[in-house]
Amino acid sequence: QILKHDPAAKIQLPTPEEVSEFTAAVHSKHPALTNVWATMDGVKLLLQQSGNDLIQNQFYNGWTHDHYVSNVFCFAPDGT
């Protein structure tokens, strides 16, 4: 709730102009990469177990035997 109204915490795609700028920045550093403007990273945010079985089952991963939310974030060359 704290970050809900903070514009700096908003997750959004860049504008087409920003994508063009980012693509040029990546290409200038790595000429073999064309049409690349960002990189992705996955993160698992561990959660405390819920006492409610319905809620707990939504976040439990039987393969890893843990409770978490999986996220994938995309990062542009300017750090956004």
N, C-alpha and C. Protein backbone atom coordinates (compact mmCIF):
# COMPACT_ATOMS: atom_id res chain seq x y z
N GLN A 1 0.81 -1.19 0.00
CA GLN A 1 0.00 0.00 0.00
C GLN A 1 0.86 1.27 0.00
N ILE A 2 2.04 1.18 0.59
CA ILE A 2 2.89 2.36 0.71
C ILE A 2 3.32 2.87 -0.65
N LEU A 3 3.70 1.96 -1.55
CA LEU A 3 4.22 2.36 -2.86
C LEU A 3 3.14 2.52 -3.92
N LYS A 4 1.90 2.21 -3.58
CA LYS A 4 0.82 2.22 -4.56
C LYS A 4 0.68 3.55 -5.30
N HIS A 5 0.89 4.66 -4.62
CA HIS A 5 0.70 5.97 -5.24
C HIS A 5 2.02 6.69 -5.52
N ASP A 6 3.12 5.97 -5.43
CA ASP A 6 4.44 6.56 -5.69
C ASP A 6 4.81 6.34 -7.16
N PRO A 7 4.88 7.39 -7.98
CA PRO A 7 5.17 7.23 -9.40
C PRO A 7 6.52 6.57 -9.66
N ALA A 8 7.48 6.74 -8.76
CA ALA A 8 8.80 6.13 -8.93
C ALA A 8 8.74 4.61 -8.74
N ALA A 9 7.70 4.10 -8.12
CA ALA A 9 7.57 2.66 -7.88
C ALA A 9 6.74 1.97 -8.95
N LYS A 10 6.24 2.72 -9.91
CA LYS A 10 5.38 2.17 -10.94
C LYS A 10 6.17 1.31 -11.92
N ILE A 11 5.64 0.16 -12.26
CA ILE A 11 6.25 -0.71 -13.26
C ILE A 11 5.50 -0.49 -14.57
N GLN A 12 6.24 -0.07 -15.60
CA GLN A 12 5.61 0.21 -16.89
C GLN A 12 6.61 0.01 -18.02
N LEU A 13 6.09 -0.17 -19.21
CA LEU A 13 6.94 -0.30 -20.39
C LEU A 13 7.41 1.08 -20.83
N PRO A 14 8.60 1.15 -21.42
CA PRO A 14 9.07 2.44 -21.93
C PRO A 14 8.30 2.86 -23.17
N THR A 15 8.38 4.13 -23.48
CA THR A 15 7.74 4.66 -24.69
C THR A 15 8.50 4.15 -25.91
N PRO A 16 7.90 4.20 -27.09
CA PRO A 16 8.62 3.80 -28.31
C PRO A 16 9.91 4.60 -28.52
N GLU A 17 9.91 5.87 -28.14
CA GLU A 17 11.11 6.70 -28.27
C GLU A 17 12.20 6.19 -27.33
N GLU A 18 11.82 5.83 -26.11
CA GLU A 18 12.80 5.29 -25.16
C GLU A 18 13.35 3.95 -25.64
N VAL A 19 12.50 3.11 -26.20
CA VAL A 19 12.96 1.83 -26.74
C VAL A 19 14.01 2.05 -27.82
N SER A 20 13.79 3.01 -28.70
CA SER A 20 14.77 3.33 -29.74
C SER A 20 16.09 3.80 -29.15
N GLU A 21 16.00 4.63 -28.13
CA GLU A 21 17.20 5.13 -27.45
C GLU A 21 17.96 3.98 -26.76
N PHE A 22 17.22 3.12 -26.08
CA PHE A 22 17.84 1.99 -25.38
C PHE A 22 18.46 1.00 -26.37
N THR A 23 17.77 0.76 -27.49
CA THR A 23 18.30 -0.15 -28.52
C THR A 23 19.62 0.38 -29.05
N ALA A 24 19.70 1.67 -29.31
CA ALA A 24 20.94 2.27 -29.79
C ALA A 24 22.05 2.16 -28.75
N ALA A 25 21.71 2.34 -27.48
CA ALA A 25 22.71 2.25 -26.42
C ALA A 25 23.28 0.84 -26.30
N VAL A 26 22.41 -0.16 -26.36
CA VAL A 26 22.87 -1.55 -26.29
C VAL A 26 23.72 -1.89 -27.51
N HIS A 27 23.24 -1.49 -28.68
CA HIS A 27 23.95 -1.79 -29.93
C HIS A 27 25.33 -1.12 -29.98
N SER A 28 25.45 0.07 -29.42
CA SER A 28 26.74 0.76 -29.44
C SER A 28 27.77 0.04 -28.56
N LYS A 29 27.33 -0.60 -27.52
CA LYS A 29 28.24 -1.33 -26.63
C LYS A 29 28.46 -2.77 -27.11
N HIS A 30 27.44 -3.36 -27.72
CA HIS A 30 27.48 -4.75 -28.18
C HIS A 30 26.94 -4.80 -29.62
N PRO A 31 27.78 -4.52 -30.62
CA PRO A 31 27.32 -4.42 -32.01
C PRO A 31 26.62 -5.67 -32.55
N ALA A 32 26.90 -6.83 -31.99
CA ALA A 32 26.26 -8.06 -32.48
C ALA A 32 24.79 -8.15 -32.07
N LEU A 33 24.40 -7.35 -31.08
CA LEU A 33 23.01 -7.37 -30.61
C LEU A 33 22.21 -6.31 -31.33
N THR A 34 21.21 -6.75 -32.05
CA THR A 34 20.31 -5.81 -32.73
C THR A 34 18.90 -6.01 -32.16
N ASN A 35 18.17 -4.94 -32.09
CA ASN A 35 16.80 -4.97 -31.56
C ASN A 35 16.72 -5.45 -30.11
N VAL A 36 17.76 -5.20 -29.34
CA VAL A 36 17.75 -5.52 -27.91
C VAL A 36 17.75 -4.19 -27.16
N TRP A 37 16.81 -4.04 -26.23
CA TRP A 37 16.73 -2.78 -25.49
C TRP A 37 16.71 -2.95 -23.98
N ALA A 38 16.68 -4.20 -23.51
CA ALA A 38 16.62 -4.42 -22.07
C ALA A 38 17.08 -5.83 -21.73
N THR A 39 17.18 -6.11 -20.45
CA THR A 39 17.48 -7.46 -19.98
C THR A 39 16.46 -7.81 -18.91
N MET A 40 16.22 -9.10 -18.74
CA MET A 40 15.24 -9.55 -17.76
C MET A 40 15.94 -10.31 -16.64
N ASP A 41 15.36 -10.25 -15.48
CA ASP A 41 15.89 -10.97 -14.33
C ASP A 41 14.72 -11.50 -13.51
N GLY A 42 14.84 -12.72 -13.06
CA GLY A 42 13.80 -13.32 -12.24
C GLY A 42 14.19 -13.27 -10.77
N VAL A 43 13.20 -13.12 -9.94
CA VAL A 43 13.44 -13.08 -8.50
C VAL A 43 12.28 -13.78 -7.80
N LYS A 44 12.61 -14.54 -6.77
CA LYS A 44 11.59 -15.19 -5.95
C LYS A 44 11.55 -14.47 -4.61
N LEU A 45 10.41 -13.91 -4.28
CA LEU A 45 10.25 -13.22 -3.00
C LEU A 45 9.59 -14.17 -2.02
N LEU A 46 10.36 -14.59 -1.01
CA LEU A 46 9.86 -15.54 -0.02
C LEU A 46 8.75 -14.90 0.82
N LEU A 47 7.78 -15.72 1.17
CA LEU A 47 6.64 -15.26 1.95
C LEU A 47 6.51 -16.07 3.23
N GLN A 48 5.93 -15.47 4.23
CA GLN A 48 5.59 -16.20 5.44
C GLN A 48 4.39 -17.09 5.14
N GLN A 49 4.38 -18.30 5.68
CA GLN A 49 3.26 -19.20 5.45
C GLN A 49 1.98 -18.63 6.04
N SER A 50 0.89 -18.83 5.31
CA SER A 50 -0.41 -18.38 5.78
C SER A 50 -1.07 -19.49 6.60
N GLY A 51 -1.88 -19.10 7.56
CA GLY A 51 -2.66 -20.06 8.32
C GLY A 51 -3.87 -20.54 7.55
N ASN A 52 -4.19 -19.86 6.45
CA ASN A 52 -5.34 -20.20 5.62
C ASN A 52 -4.85 -21.11 4.48
N ASP A 53 -5.35 -22.34 4.43
CA ASP A 53 -4.90 -23.31 3.42
C ASP A 53 -5.12 -22.83 2.00
N LEU A 54 -6.22 -22.16 1.73
CA LEU A 54 -6.50 -21.67 0.38
C LEU A 54 -5.44 -20.67 -0.07
N ILE A 55 -5.11 -19.73 0.79
CA ILE A 55 -4.08 -18.74 0.48
C ILE A 55 -2.71 -19.41 0.39
N GLN A 56 -2.41 -20.30 1.32
CA GLN A 56 -1.12 -20.97 1.33
C GLN A 56 -0.89 -21.73 0.02
N ASN A 57 -1.89 -22.41 -0.48
CA ASN A 57 -1.74 -23.19 -1.71
C ASN A 57 -1.48 -22.32 -2.93
N GLN A 58 -1.87 -21.06 -2.90
CA GLN A 58 -1.62 -20.16 -4.03
C GLN A 58 -0.15 -19.81 -4.17
N PHE A 59 0.61 -19.90 -3.09
CA PHE A 59 2.00 -19.47 -3.09
C PHE A 59 2.99 -20.60 -2.82
N TYR A 60 2.50 -21.82 -2.63
CA TYR A 60 3.40 -22.92 -2.32
C TYR A 60 3.87 -23.58 -3.61
N ASN A 61 5.17 -23.80 -3.71
CA ASN A 61 5.75 -24.49 -4.85
C ASN A 61 6.24 -25.85 -4.36
N GLY A 62 5.55 -26.91 -4.75
CA GLY A 62 5.91 -28.25 -4.29
C GLY A 62 7.27 -28.71 -4.78
N TRP A 63 7.70 -28.21 -5.93
CA TRP A 63 8.99 -28.61 -6.48
C TRP A 63 10.14 -28.09 -5.63
N THR A 64 10.03 -26.84 -5.17
CA THR A 64 11.10 -26.26 -4.35
C THR A 64 10.79 -26.34 -2.85
N HIS A 65 9.59 -26.79 -2.51
CA HIS A 65 9.17 -26.95 -1.11
C HIS A 65 9.26 -25.63 -0.33
N ASP A 66 8.75 -24.56 -0.92
CA ASP A 66 8.80 -23.27 -0.26
C ASP A 66 7.63 -22.40 -0.69
N HIS A 67 7.42 -21.30 0.01
CA HIS A 67 6.36 -20.34 -0.29
C HIS A 67 6.99 -19.06 -0.81
N TYR A 68 6.59 -18.63 -2.01
CA TYR A 68 7.12 -17.39 -2.56
C TYR A 68 6.28 -16.91 -3.74
N VAL A 69 6.53 -15.69 -4.15
CA VAL A 69 5.94 -15.11 -5.34
C VAL A 69 7.07 -14.97 -6.35
N SER A 70 6.87 -15.49 -7.56
CA SER A 70 7.87 -15.36 -8.62
C SER A 70 7.61 -14.09 -9.40
N ASN A 71 8.67 -13.35 -9.68
CA ASN A 71 8.57 -12.11 -10.44
C ASN A 71 9.63 -12.10 -11.53
N VAL A 72 9.33 -11.49 -12.63
CA VAL A 72 10.31 -11.25 -13.68
C VAL A 72 10.28 -9.75 -13.97
N PHE A 73 11.44 -9.13 -13.84
CA PHE A 73 11.54 -7.70 -14.10
C PHE A 73 12.44 -7.45 -15.30
N CYS A 74 12.16 -6.40 -16.01
CA CYS A 74 12.90 -6.00 -17.19
C CYS A 74 13.63 -4.71 -16.86
N PHE A 75 14.93 -4.67 -17.16
CA PHE A 75 15.74 -3.48 -16.85
C PHE A 75 16.31 -2.88 -18.12
N ALA A 76 16.16 -1.58 -18.27
CA ALA A 76 16.67 -0.85 -19.44
C ALA A 76 18.08 -0.34 -19.14
N PRO A 77 18.81 0.08 -20.18
CA PRO A 77 20.18 0.56 -19.98
C PRO A 77 20.30 1.75 -19.03
N ASP A 78 19.23 2.52 -18.86
CA ASP A 78 19.31 3.67 -17.96
C ASP A 78 18.97 3.30 -16.51
N GLY A 79 18.76 2.00 -16.25
CA GLY A 79 18.49 1.54 -14.90
C GLY A 79 17.02 1.47 -14.53
N THR A 80 16.15 1.87 -15.43
CA THR A 80 14.70 1.81 -15.12
C THR A 80 14.15 0.45 -15.46
